Amino acid sequence: PELITEGVARDVIRLVQSARKSADLDVSDRIVVSLTPVNGQAELPSAVESYLDRITRETLADALSATSLSDAEYTELVDIQDASYSLALRRA
């Protein structure tokens, strides 16, 4: 179970880095990330909560939350553990 949790966290890091690239943000830009459940789920995957410090550190995110960003610069739909999420980010 620990390896699965770490794998999900790494996948989230990859998704955020990919979104950062698609949004044409500079690699050194600090960002704010929103990962909002699309299918009525109430919370983030437990792996995100368990590895929150690592995810924010490796993606240069000042914050990562499950509430949507009204002023997002980039948004895309992503799948994590068979669930759909709206991944949004903006410069901090």
Protein backbone atom coordinates (compact mmCIF):
# COMPACT_ATOMS: atom_id res chain seq x y z
CA PRO A 1 0.00 0.00 0.00
CA GLU A 2 2.84 2.43 0.71
CA LEU A 3 4.27 1.96 -2.79
CA ILE A 4 0.85 2.56 -4.36
CA THR A 5 0.43 5.75 -2.30
CA GLU A 6 3.87 6.99 -3.34
CA GLY A 7 3.11 6.14 -6.98
CA VAL A 8 -0.07 8.20 -6.89
CA ALA A 9 1.84 11.13 -5.39
CA ARG A 10 4.45 10.88 -8.15
CA ASP A 11 1.66 10.81 -10.73
CA VAL A 12 0.19 14.01 -9.26
CA ILE A 13 3.64 15.65 -9.43
CA ARG A 14 3.94 14.61 -13.08
CA LEU A 15 0.46 15.94 -13.88
CA VAL A 16 1.15 19.30 -12.24
CA GLN A 17 4.52 19.63 -14.02
CA SER A 18 2.86 18.76 -17.34
CA ALA A 19 0.12 21.35 -16.73
CA ARG A 20 2.80 23.91 -15.84
CA LYS A 21 4.49 23.23 -19.17
CA SER A 22 1.19 23.38 -21.10
CA ALA A 23 0.39 26.71 -19.42
CA ASP A 24 3.76 28.00 -20.65
CA LEU A 25 4.85 28.96 -17.15
CA ASP A 26 8.49 29.52 -16.34
CA VAL A 27 10.14 26.63 -14.48
CA SER A 28 10.89 28.95 -11.54
CA ASP A 29 7.35 30.41 -11.21
CA ARG A 30 5.67 29.76 -7.88
CA ILE A 31 2.13 28.46 -8.41
CA VAL A 32 -1.15 27.77 -6.66
CA VAL A 33 -2.77 24.44 -7.57
CA SER A 34 -6.35 23.29 -7.33
CA LEU A 35 -7.32 19.64 -7.72
CA THR A 36 -11.12 19.59 -7.67
CA PRO A 37 -13.11 16.34 -7.86
CA VAL A 38 -15.40 16.23 -10.91
CA ASN A 39 -17.55 13.19 -10.18
CA GLY A 40 -18.99 14.39 -6.88
CA GLN A 41 -16.20 13.00 -4.75
CA ALA A 42 -15.73 15.01 -1.59
CA GLU A 43 -11.98 14.87 -1.13
CA LEU A 44 -8.54 14.48 -2.61
CA PRO A 45 -6.92 11.04 -2.83
CA SER A 46 -5.25 10.13 0.46
CA ALA A 47 -1.89 9.99 -1.34
CA VAL A 48 -2.12 13.72 -2.03
CA GLU A 49 -2.69 14.44 1.63
CA SER A 50 0.06 12.04 2.73
CA TYR A 51 2.63 13.52 0.34
CA LEU A 52 1.40 17.13 0.29
CA ASP A 53 4.75 18.59 1.39
CA ARG A 54 6.66 16.64 -1.25
CA ILE A 55 4.16 17.51 -4.00
CA THR A 56 4.21 21.23 -3.20
CA ARG A 57 7.99 21.29 -2.84
CA GLU A 58 8.69 19.50 -6.13
CA THR A 59 6.15 21.54 -8.12
CA LEU A 60 7.00 24.91 -6.49
CA ALA A 61 3.40 25.21 -5.35
CA ASP A 62 2.62 27.63 -2.56
CA ALA A 63 -0.70 25.84 -2.02
CA LEU A 64 -2.61 22.79 -3.22
CA SER A 65 -6.29 22.48 -2.37
CA ALA A 66 -9.53 20.81 -3.40
CA THR A 67 -11.34 24.12 -3.89
CA SER A 68 -11.56 25.51 -7.40
CA LEU A 69 -9.55 28.53 -8.49
CA SER A 70 -11.77 31.24 -9.93
CA ASP A 71 -8.75 33.02 -11.41
CA ALA A 72 -6.94 29.98 -12.85
CA GLU A 73 -4.54 30.60 -15.72
CA TYR A 74 -4.77 26.99 -16.90
CA THR A 75 -7.25 24.16 -16.37
CA GLU A 76 -7.43 20.57 -17.59
CA LEU A 77 -9.18 17.33 -16.67
CA VAL A 78 -6.98 14.57 -15.25
CA ASP A 79 -7.57 11.05 -13.98
CA ILE A 80 -6.12 9.90 -10.67
CA GLN A 81 -6.94 6.46 -9.29
CA ASP A 82 -9.94 5.97 -11.61
CA ALA A 83 -11.48 9.32 -10.66
CA SER A 84 -11.64 12.57 -12.65
CA TYR A 85 -10.36 15.87 -11.31
CA SER A 86 -10.10 19.38 -12.63
CA LEU A 87 -6.47 20.45 -12.30
CA ALA A 88 -6.14 24.23 -12.30
CA LEU A 89 -3.17 26.45 -11.64
CA ARG A 90 -2.09 30.06 -11.58
CA ARG A 91 1.01 31.98 -10.71
CA ALA A 92 1.29 32.75 -7.00
